[in-house]
Amino acid sequence: MAIVAEYLEPSPLGQAEWLKFTALFFNQEAQAEAEFAAIATEYEALTRLTASIQARPTVLTGFSYDGTWYVPGGQSYVAQLLEDAGADYLWAEVEQTGSVPLDFEAVCMTGQPKPMSGSMSVRVAESPGCDRN
């Protein structure tokens, strides 16, 4: 028996690195090392592309379960992934790695679209019940 806890990793590359652990069971350590090195190189190159962007889209993500909306904590791999992709995550300041339970109304109020530079605003998905008026 082995415990796999990649979901606890706070970084996307930390999660990807778990492939090296899995490779141990199949005697594929060398291939896993090479694959991870390629993943890390490409990820870091893509991250550099967004490092200097000025207009960052604001992102709201999460899911609703049993009347509560859950957003990833600001120290989670999801928050890191969004930051690396050039996004401004609404809950980036929450010092938590796991999901944060919130009232649906609070999420709707926080997630109202904000204009980016110029007159453009982005809304990826409309949540039922979030009335902008």
C-alpha atoms as a PDB file:
ATOM      1  CA  MET A   1       0.000   0.000   0.000  1.00  0.00           C
ATOM      2  CA  ALA A   2       1.185   3.496  -0.803  1.00  0.00           C
ATOM      3  CA  ILE A   3      -0.249   6.849   0.098  1.00  0.00           C
ATOM      4  CA  VAL A   4      -0.520   9.248  -2.825  1.00  0.00           C
ATOM      5  CA  ALA A   5      -1.074  12.805  -1.667  1.00  0.00           C
ATOM      6  CA  GLU A   6      -0.371  14.884  -4.761  1.00  0.00           C
ATOM      7  CA  TYR A   7      -3.559  16.831  -4.102  1.00  0.00           C
ATOM      8  CA  LEU A   8      -1.862  18.348  -1.050  1.00  0.00           C
ATOM      9  CA  GLU A   9       0.902  19.912  -3.127  1.00  0.00           C
ATOM     10  CA  PRO A  10       0.564  23.710  -3.261  1.00  0.00           C
ATOM     11  CA  SER A  11       2.154  24.049  -6.696  1.00  0.00           C
ATOM     12  CA  PRO A  12       1.267  22.643 -10.111  1.00  0.00           C
ATOM     13  CA  LEU A  13       4.834  21.426 -10.621  1.00  0.00           C
ATOM     14  CA  GLY A  14       4.766  19.811  -7.189  1.00  0.00           C
ATOM     15  CA  GLN A  15       1.734  17.838  -8.292  1.00  0.00           C
ATOM     16  CA  ALA A  16       3.354  16.876 -11.588  1.00  0.00           C
ATOM     17  CA  GLU A  17       6.448  15.668  -9.752  1.00  0.00           C
ATOM     18  CA  TRP A  18       4.395  12.877  -8.214  1.00  0.00           C
ATOM     19  CA  LEU A  19       4.749  11.015 -11.504  1.00  0.00           C
ATOM     20  CA  LYS A  20       8.263  10.160 -10.304  1.00  0.00           C
ATOM     21  CA  PHE A  21       6.774   8.462  -7.238  1.00  0.00           C
ATOM     22  CA  THR A  22       4.380   6.445  -9.387  1.00  0.00           C
ATOM     23  CA  ALA A  23       7.222   5.492 -11.741  1.00  0.00           C
ATOM     24  CA  LEU A  24       9.002   3.710  -8.882  1.00  0.00           C
ATOM     25  CA  PHE A  25       6.356   0.970  -8.932  1.00  0.00           C
ATOM     26  CA  PHE A  26       7.074   0.282 -12.607  1.00  0.00           C
ATOM     27  CA  ASN A  27      10.869   0.685 -12.613  1.00  0.00           C
ATOM     28  CA  GLN A  28      10.488   3.714 -14.879  1.00  0.00           C
ATOM     29  CA  GLU A  29      12.405   6.258 -12.801  1.00  0.00           C
ATOM     30  CA  ALA A  30      14.613   7.451 -15.672  1.00  0.00           C
ATOM     31  CA  GLN A  31      11.643   8.025 -17.972  1.00  0.00           C
ATOM     32  CA  ALA A  32       9.768   9.819 -15.191  1.00  0.00           C
ATOM     33  CA  GLU A  33      12.758  12.081 -14.513  1.00  0.00           C
ATOM     34  CA  ALA A  34      12.948  12.969 -18.216  1.00  0.00           C
ATOM     35  CA  GLU A  35       9.183  13.566 -18.477  1.00  0.00           C
ATOM     36  CA  PHE A  36       9.120  15.737 -15.384  1.00  0.00           C
ATOM     37  CA  ALA A  37      12.114  17.766 -16.605  1.00  0.00           C
ATOM     38  CA  ALA A  38      10.276  18.406 -19.894  1.00  0.00           C
ATOM     39  CA  ILE A  39       7.075  19.370 -18.070  1.00  0.00           C
ATOM     40  CA  ALA A  40       8.955  21.734 -15.748  1.00  0.00           C
ATOM     41  CA  THR A  41      10.849  23.366 -18.615  1.00  0.00           C
ATOM     42  CA  GLU A  42       7.682  23.979 -20.620  1.00  0.00           C
ATOM     43  CA  TYR A  43       5.684  25.168 -17.594  1.00  0.00           C
ATOM     44  CA  GLU A  44       8.386  27.633 -16.572  1.00  0.00           C
ATOM     45  CA  ALA A  45       8.645  28.933 -20.154  1.00  0.00           C
ATOM     46  CA  LEU A  46       4.897  29.508 -20.276  1.00  0.00           C
ATOM     47  CA  THR A  47       4.977  31.207 -16.873  1.00  0.00           C
ATOM     48  CA  ARG A  48       7.623  33.637 -18.130  1.00  0.00           C
ATOM     49  CA  LEU A  49       5.253  34.654 -20.952  1.00  0.00           C
ATOM     50  CA  THR A  50       2.748  36.026 -18.442  1.00  0.00           C
ATOM     51  CA  ALA A  51       5.196  37.551 -15.970  1.00  0.00           C
ATOM     52  CA  SER A  52       5.085  41.054 -17.423  1.00  0.00           C
ATOM     53  CA  ILE A  53       1.505  41.385 -18.582  1.00  0.00           C
ATOM     54  CA  GLN A  54      -0.244  44.467 -17.284  1.00  0.00           C
ATOM     55  CA  ALA A  55      -3.942  43.703 -17.809  1.00  0.00           C
ATOM     56  CA  ARG A  56      -4.701  40.551 -15.871  1.00  0.00           C
ATOM     57  CA  PRO A  57      -8.172  39.035 -16.163  1.00  0.00           C
ATOM     58  CA  THR A  58      -9.969  38.610 -12.853  1.00  0.00           C
ATOM     59  CA  VAL A  59     -10.910  34.988 -12.206  1.00  0.00           C
ATOM     60  CA  LEU A  60     -13.601  33.479 -10.026  1.00  0.00           C
ATOM     61  CA  THR A  61     -13.575  29.695  -9.765  1.00  0.00           C
ATOM     62  CA  GLY A  62     -14.992  27.054  -7.490  1.00  0.00           C
ATOM     63  CA  PHE A  63     -18.058  24.887  -7.119  1.00  0.00           C
ATOM     64  CA  SER A  64     -21.345  24.780  -5.299  1.00  0.00           C
ATOM     65  CA  TYR A  65     -22.252  21.878  -3.044  1.00  0.00           C
ATOM     66  CA  ASP A  66     -25.278  21.629  -0.802  1.00  0.00           C
ATOM     67  CA  GLY A  67     -25.896  25.385  -0.716  1.00  0.00           C
ATOM     68  CA  THR A  68     -22.280  26.385  -0.087  1.00  0.00           C
ATOM     69  CA  TRP A  69     -19.813  27.702  -2.647  1.00  0.00           C
ATOM     70  CA  TYR A  70     -16.229  26.444  -2.296  1.00  0.00           C
ATOM     71  CA  VAL A  71     -13.299  28.393  -3.740  1.00  0.00           C
ATOM     72  CA  PRO A  72      -9.667  27.275  -3.771  1.00  0.00           C
ATOM     73  CA  GLY A  73      -7.570  28.885  -1.062  1.00  0.00           C
ATOM     74  CA  GLY A  74      -5.000  31.472  -2.070  1.00  0.00           C
ATOM     75  CA  GLN A  75      -2.136  29.113  -1.237  1.00  0.00           C
ATOM     76  CA  SER A  76      -3.545  26.222  -3.314  1.00  0.00           C
ATOM     77  CA  TYR A  77      -2.147  24.799  -6.523  1.00  0.00           C
ATOM     78  CA  VAL A  78      -5.192  26.240  -8.342  1.00  0.00           C
ATOM     79  CA  ALA A  79      -4.367  29.753  -7.132  1.00  0.00           C
ATOM     80  CA  GLN A  80      -0.731  29.247  -8.166  1.00  0.00           C
ATOM     81  CA  LEU A  81      -1.808  27.942 -11.569  1.00  0.00           C
ATOM     82  CA  LEU A  82      -4.021  30.997 -12.098  1.00  0.00           C
ATOM     83  CA  GLU A  83      -1.241  33.360 -11.049  1.00  0.00           C
ATOM     84  CA  ASP A  84       1.231  31.621 -13.335  1.00  0.00           C
ATOM     85  CA  ALA A  85      -1.282  31.887 -16.188  1.00  0.00           C
ATOM     86  CA  GLY A  86      -1.465  35.658 -15.696  1.00  0.00           C
ATOM     87  CA  ALA A  87      -4.783  35.869 -13.869  1.00  0.00           C
ATOM     88  CA  ASP A  88      -5.835  37.969 -10.908  1.00  0.00           C
ATOM     89  CA  TYR A  89      -7.526  35.435  -8.607  1.00  0.00           C
ATOM     90  CA  LEU A  90     -10.167  36.957  -6.355  1.00  0.00           C
ATOM     91  CA  TRP A  91      -9.182  34.891  -3.299  1.00  0.00           C
ATOM     92  CA  ALA A  92      -5.411  34.990  -3.769  1.00  0.00           C
ATOM     93  CA  GLU A  93      -4.968  36.620  -0.356  1.00  0.00           C
ATOM     94  CA  VAL A  94      -6.655  33.779   1.551  1.00  0.00           C
ATOM     95  CA  GLU A  95      -3.857  31.973   3.393  1.00  0.00           C
ATOM     96  CA  GLN A  96      -5.249  28.494   2.948  1.00  0.00           C
ATOM     97  CA  THR A  97      -4.359  25.563   0.688  1.00  0.00           C
ATOM     98  CA  GLY A  98      -7.712  23.786   0.747  1.00  0.00           C
ATOM     99  CA  SER A  99     -11.178  24.838  -0.290  1.00  0.00           C
ATOM    100  CA  VAL A 100     -12.788  27.820   1.416  1.00  0.00           C
ATOM    101  CA  PRO A 101     -16.551  27.553   2.100  1.00  0.00           C
ATOM    102  CA  LEU A 102     -18.458  30.766   1.341  1.00  0.00           C
ATOM    103  CA  ASP A 103     -22.032  31.956   1.119  1.00  0.00           C
ATOM    104  CA  PHE A 104     -23.195  31.961  -2.477  1.00  0.00           C
ATOM    105  CA  GLU A 105     -24.270  35.594  -2.154  1.00  0.00           C
ATOM    106  CA  ALA A 106     -20.782  36.637  -1.021  1.00  0.00           C
ATOM    107  CA  VAL A 107     -19.271  34.883  -4.023  1.00  0.00           C
ATOM    108  CA  CYS A 108     -21.691  36.633  -6.386  1.00  0.00           C
ATOM    109  CA  MET A 109     -20.917  40.049  -4.905  1.00  0.00           C
ATOM    110  CA  THR A 110     -17.155  39.491  -5.010  1.00  0.00           C
ATOM    111  CA  GLY A 111     -17.286  38.038  -8.512  1.00  0.00           C
ATOM    112  CA  GLN A 112     -18.980  40.939 -10.252  1.00  0.00           C
ATOM    113  CA  PRO A 113     -17.190  41.700 -13.523  1.00  0.00           C
ATOM    114  CA  LYS A 114     -14.589  44.440 -13.342  1.00  0.00           C
ATOM    115  CA  PRO A 115     -13.384  46.358 -16.368  1.00  0.00           C
ATOM    116  CA  MET A 116      -9.897  45.584 -17.583  1.00  0.00           C
ATOM    117  CA  SER A 117      -7.734  48.267 -19.195  1.00  0.00           C
ATOM    118  CA  GLY A 118      -9.908  50.177 -21.624  1.00  0.00           C
ATOM    119  CA  SER A 119     -13.573  49.281 -21.864  1.00  0.00           C
ATOM    120  CA  MET A 120     -13.310  45.507 -22.089  1.00  0.00           C
ATOM    121  CA  SER A 121     -14.560  43.193 -19.351  1.00  0.00           C
ATOM    122  CA  VAL A 122     -14.559  39.416 -19.261  1.00  0.00           C
ATOM    123  CA  ARG A 123     -17.128  37.072 -17.796  1.00  0.00           C
ATOM    124  CA  VAL A 124     -16.451  33.426 -18.517  1.00  0.00           C
ATOM    125  CA  ALA A 125     -19.606  31.936 -17.061  1.00  0.00           C
ATOM    126  CA  GLU A 126     -22.820  33.312 -15.653  1.00  0.00           C
ATOM    127  CA  SER A 127     -23.804  31.710 -12.372  1.00  0.00           C
ATOM    128  CA  PRO A 128     -27.523  31.195 -11.792  1.00  0.00           C
ATOM    129  CA  GLY A 129     -28.781  33.590  -9.165  1.00  0.00           C
ATOM    130  CA  CYS A 130     -26.028  36.174  -9.538  1.00  0.00           C
ATOM    131  CA  ASP A 131     -27.992  39.254 -10.521  1.00  0.00           C
ATOM    132  CA  ARG A 132     -25.680  42.094 -11.501  1.00  0.00           C
ATOM    133  CA  ASN A 133     -28.295  44.760 -10.771  1.00  0.00           C
END
